[in-house]
Amino acid sequence: VLAQEFAKGTEYALDIVSKNGEHKVACLWRYDKRPANNAPFVYFATEVVSAQMEKGRQVCKYAMDVLDALDVKWGLSHVE
């Protein structure tokens, strides 16, 4: 399933494992993107960040709410 909406701001990516509707975040990354070479953005790095920081908790909750809305119960998900 692909669900996509453009949102301005810091971009995060998550890997989530789901078992019987219970979601666990395996990893949370923050992308470092900046304008370069006449492009609006270039990916400079990905940084693993804590899912326990306030923003990390918000991002993880949102991603898991999306999985619930899509009725994902089992499997692996990569969410950006």
N, C-alpha and C. Protein backbone atom coordinates (compact mmCIF):
# COMPACT_ATOMS: atom_id res chain seq x y z
N VAL A 1 0.86 -1.17 0.00
CA VAL A 1 0.00 0.00 0.00
C VAL A 1 0.89 1.22 0.00
N LEU A 2 0.58 2.18 -0.84
CA LEU A 2 1.31 3.45 -0.87
C LEU A 2 0.32 4.56 -0.56
N ALA A 3 0.60 5.32 0.48
CA ALA A 3 -0.20 6.50 0.81
C ALA A 3 0.78 7.65 0.96
N GLN A 4 0.55 8.73 0.22
CA GLN A 4 1.52 9.81 0.23
C GLN A 4 0.85 11.17 0.21
N GLU A 5 1.35 12.05 1.03
CA GLU A 5 0.90 13.43 1.05
C GLU A 5 2.12 14.29 1.28
N PHE A 6 2.26 15.40 0.55
CA PHE A 6 3.41 16.28 0.73
C PHE A 6 3.21 17.12 1.98
N ALA A 7 4.25 17.20 2.76
CA ALA A 7 4.23 18.05 3.95
C ALA A 7 5.57 18.76 4.05
N LYS A 8 5.52 20.07 4.27
CA LYS A 8 6.76 20.83 4.45
C LYS A 8 7.34 20.52 5.82
N GLY A 9 8.65 20.61 5.93
CA GLY A 9 9.30 20.46 7.22
C GLY A 9 10.32 19.33 7.22
N THR A 10 10.75 18.98 8.39
CA THR A 10 11.75 17.93 8.56
C THR A 10 11.15 16.59 8.16
N GLU A 11 11.92 15.82 7.39
CA GLU A 11 11.45 14.51 6.93
C GLU A 11 12.03 13.41 7.81
N TYR A 12 11.17 12.50 8.20
CA TYR A 12 11.56 11.35 9.01
C TYR A 12 11.21 10.07 8.26
N ALA A 13 11.90 9.00 8.59
CA ALA A 13 11.58 7.67 8.05
C ALA A 13 11.59 6.69 9.21
N LEU A 14 10.67 5.73 9.17
CA LEU A 14 10.55 4.73 10.24
C LEU A 14 10.43 3.35 9.63
N ASP A 15 11.02 2.38 10.29
CA ASP A 15 10.75 0.98 10.02
C ASP A 15 9.95 0.46 11.20
N ILE A 16 8.81 -0.13 10.89
CA ILE A 16 7.89 -0.60 11.93
C ILE A 16 7.55 -2.06 11.67
N VAL A 17 7.53 -2.84 12.73
CA VAL A 17 7.12 -4.25 12.68
C VAL A 17 5.76 -4.36 13.36
N SER A 18 4.82 -5.02 12.69
CA SER A 18 3.47 -5.18 13.24
C SER A 18 3.15 -6.65 13.42
N LYS A 19 2.59 -6.95 14.60
CA LYS A 19 2.17 -8.33 14.91
C LYS A 19 0.81 -8.25 15.57
N ASN A 20 -0.19 -8.80 14.88
CA ASN A 20 -1.56 -8.83 15.39
C ASN A 20 -2.05 -7.43 15.79
N GLY A 21 -1.68 -6.43 15.00
CA GLY A 21 -2.14 -5.06 15.24
C GLY A 21 -1.30 -4.26 16.21
N GLU A 22 -0.30 -4.87 16.82
CA GLU A 22 0.61 -4.15 17.73
C GLU A 22 1.85 -3.74 16.95
N HIS A 23 2.14 -2.45 16.94
CA HIS A 23 3.24 -1.91 16.14
C HIS A 23 4.43 -1.58 17.03
N LYS A 24 5.62 -1.94 16.57
CA LYS A 24 6.87 -1.63 17.26
C LYS A 24 7.80 -0.93 16.27
N VAL A 25 8.35 0.21 16.69
CA VAL A 25 9.29 0.95 15.84
C VAL A 25 10.67 0.30 15.96
N ALA A 26 11.22 -0.13 14.84
CA ALA A 26 12.55 -0.72 14.83
C ALA A 26 13.62 0.35 14.70
N CYS A 27 13.34 1.41 13.93
CA CYS A 27 14.32 2.48 13.76
C CYS A 27 13.62 3.74 13.27
N LEU A 28 14.16 4.88 13.70
CA LEU A 28 13.65 6.19 13.31
C LEU A 28 14.82 7.02 12.83
N TRP A 29 14.69 7.56 11.61
CA TRP A 29 15.74 8.41 11.02
C TRP A 29 15.20 9.80 10.75
N ARG A 30 16.10 10.77 10.79
CA ARG A 30 15.79 12.13 10.34
C ARG A 30 16.71 12.42 9.15
N TYR A 31 16.11 12.92 8.07
CA TYR A 31 16.89 13.26 6.88
C TYR A 31 17.44 14.67 6.99
N ASP A 32 18.70 14.82 6.59
CA ASP A 32 19.35 16.12 6.50
C ASP A 32 19.32 16.51 5.03
N LYS A 33 18.39 17.42 4.67
CA LYS A 33 18.24 17.86 3.28
C LYS A 33 18.50 19.37 3.22
N ARG A 34 19.24 19.79 2.17
CA ARG A 34 19.55 21.20 1.98
C ARG A 34 19.58 21.53 0.50
N PRO A 35 19.34 22.80 0.16
CA PRO A 35 19.48 23.21 -1.24
C PRO A 35 20.93 23.06 -1.68
N ALA A 36 21.15 22.56 -2.89
CA ALA A 36 22.50 22.42 -3.44
C ALA A 36 22.42 22.23 -4.94
N ASN A 37 23.42 22.70 -5.64
CA ASN A 37 23.54 22.47 -7.08
C ASN A 37 22.29 22.88 -7.86
N ASN A 38 21.70 23.99 -7.48
CA ASN A 38 20.49 24.52 -8.11
C ASN A 38 19.27 23.61 -7.95
N ALA A 39 19.33 22.67 -7.03
CA ALA A 39 18.19 21.81 -6.72
C ALA A 39 17.56 22.31 -5.43
N PRO A 40 16.23 22.17 -5.28
CA PRO A 40 15.59 22.64 -4.05
C PRO A 40 16.09 21.90 -2.80
N PHE A 41 16.49 20.63 -2.98
CA PHE A 41 17.10 19.91 -1.85
C PHE A 41 17.93 18.75 -2.36
N VAL A 42 18.94 18.42 -1.57
CA VAL A 42 19.79 17.26 -1.80
C VAL A 42 19.92 16.56 -0.45
N TYR A 43 19.86 15.24 -0.46
CA TYR A 43 20.03 14.49 0.78
C TYR A 43 21.51 14.48 1.14
N PHE A 44 21.86 15.06 2.29
CA PHE A 44 23.24 15.07 2.76
C PHE A 44 23.50 13.90 3.71
N ALA A 45 22.52 13.51 4.50
CA ALA A 45 22.74 12.44 5.48
C ALA A 45 21.41 11.97 6.03
N THR A 46 21.44 10.79 6.63
CA THR A 46 20.33 10.32 7.46
C THR A 46 20.91 10.07 8.85
N GLU A 47 20.18 10.50 9.85
CA GLU A 47 20.65 10.39 11.23
C GLU A 47 19.64 9.57 12.03
N VAL A 48 20.11 8.54 12.71
CA VAL A 48 19.23 7.78 13.59
C VAL A 48 18.95 8.65 14.81
N VAL A 49 17.67 8.81 15.13
CA VAL A 49 17.27 9.65 16.26
C VAL A 49 16.42 8.84 17.24
N SER A 50 16.34 9.33 18.45
CA SER A 50 15.61 8.63 19.51
C SER A 50 14.10 8.75 19.32
N ALA A 51 13.44 7.63 19.40
CA ALA A 51 11.97 7.63 19.37
C ALA A 51 11.41 8.08 20.71
N GLN A 52 12.26 8.31 21.69
CA GLN A 52 11.83 8.74 23.01
C GLN A 52 11.80 10.26 23.16
N MET A 53 12.46 10.99 22.23
CA MET A 53 12.37 12.46 22.30
C MET A 53 10.96 12.88 21.92
N GLU A 54 10.55 14.07 22.30
CA GLU A 54 9.17 14.51 22.06
C GLU A 54 8.77 14.40 20.59
N LYS A 55 9.60 14.94 19.71
CA LYS A 55 9.29 14.88 18.27
C LYS A 55 9.27 13.43 17.80
N GLY A 56 10.17 12.60 18.29
CA GLY A 56 10.19 11.19 17.91
C GLY A 56 8.91 10.48 18.31
N ARG A 57 8.42 10.76 19.51
CA ARG A 57 7.15 10.16 19.97
C ARG A 57 5.99 10.59 19.07
N GLN A 58 5.98 11.88 18.69
CA GLN A 58 4.91 12.39 17.83
C GLN A 58 4.94 11.72 16.46
N VAL A 59 6.14 11.62 15.88
CA VAL A 59 6.29 11.01 14.55
C VAL A 59 5.88 9.53 14.60
N CYS A 60 6.33 8.82 15.62
CA CYS A 60 5.99 7.39 15.74
C CYS A 60 4.49 7.19 15.93
N LYS A 61 3.88 8.00 16.78
CA LYS A 61 2.43 7.88 17.01
C LYS A 61 1.66 8.13 15.71
N TYR A 62 2.05 9.16 14.98
CA TYR A 62 1.37 9.47 13.71
C TYR A 62 1.50 8.29 12.75
N ALA A 63 2.71 7.74 12.60
CA ALA A 63 2.92 6.63 11.68
C ALA A 63 2.09 5.41 12.08
N MET A 64 2.06 5.11 13.37
CA MET A 64 1.28 3.96 13.83
C MET A 64 -0.22 4.20 13.69
N ASP A 65 -0.66 5.44 13.86
CA ASP A 65 -2.08 5.77 13.62
C ASP A 65 -2.43 5.56 12.15
N VAL A 66 -1.50 5.90 11.24
CA VAL A 66 -1.73 5.66 9.81
C VAL A 66 -1.85 4.16 9.55
N LEU A 67 -0.96 3.37 10.14
CA LEU A 67 -1.05 1.91 9.95
C LEU A 67 -2.38 1.37 10.46
N ASP A 68 -2.85 1.89 11.58
CA ASP A 68 -4.16 1.47 12.09
C ASP A 68 -5.27 1.87 11.13
N ALA A 69 -5.19 3.10 10.59
CA ALA A 69 -6.22 3.57 9.64
C ALA A 69 -6.24 2.70 8.38
N LEU A 70 -5.08 2.20 7.99
CA LEU A 70 -4.98 1.33 6.81
C LEU A 70 -5.24 -0.14 7.16
N ASP A 71 -5.54 -0.42 8.43
CA ASP A 71 -5.84 -1.75 8.94
C ASP A 71 -4.67 -2.73 8.75
N VAL A 72 -3.45 -2.20 8.93
CA VAL A 72 -2.26 -3.05 8.87
C VAL A 72 -2.14 -3.79 10.20
N LYS A 73 -2.17 -5.10 10.15
CA LYS A 73 -2.10 -5.91 11.36
C LYS A 73 -0.80 -6.70 11.47
N TRP A 74 -0.25 -7.10 10.33
CA TRP A 74 0.94 -7.96 10.30
C TRP A 74 1.93 -7.45 9.26
N GLY A 75 3.21 -7.58 9.57
CA GLY A 75 4.24 -7.33 8.57
C GLY A 75 5.17 -6.19 8.90
N LEU A 76 5.98 -5.85 7.92
CA LEU A 76 6.97 -4.80 8.03
C LEU A 76 6.49 -3.58 7.24
N SER A 77 6.74 -2.40 7.78
CA SER A 77 6.35 -1.17 7.08
C SER A 77 7.51 -0.20 7.10
N HIS A 78 7.72 0.47 5.98
CA HIS A 78 8.68 1.57 5.90
C HIS A 78 7.85 2.82 5.65
N VAL A 79 7.92 3.78 6.56
CA VAL A 79 7.07 4.97 6.51
C VAL A 79 7.98 6.19 6.43
N GLU A 80 7.69 7.08 5.49
CA GLU A 80 8.44 8.34 5.37
C GLU A 80 7.49 9.50 5.43
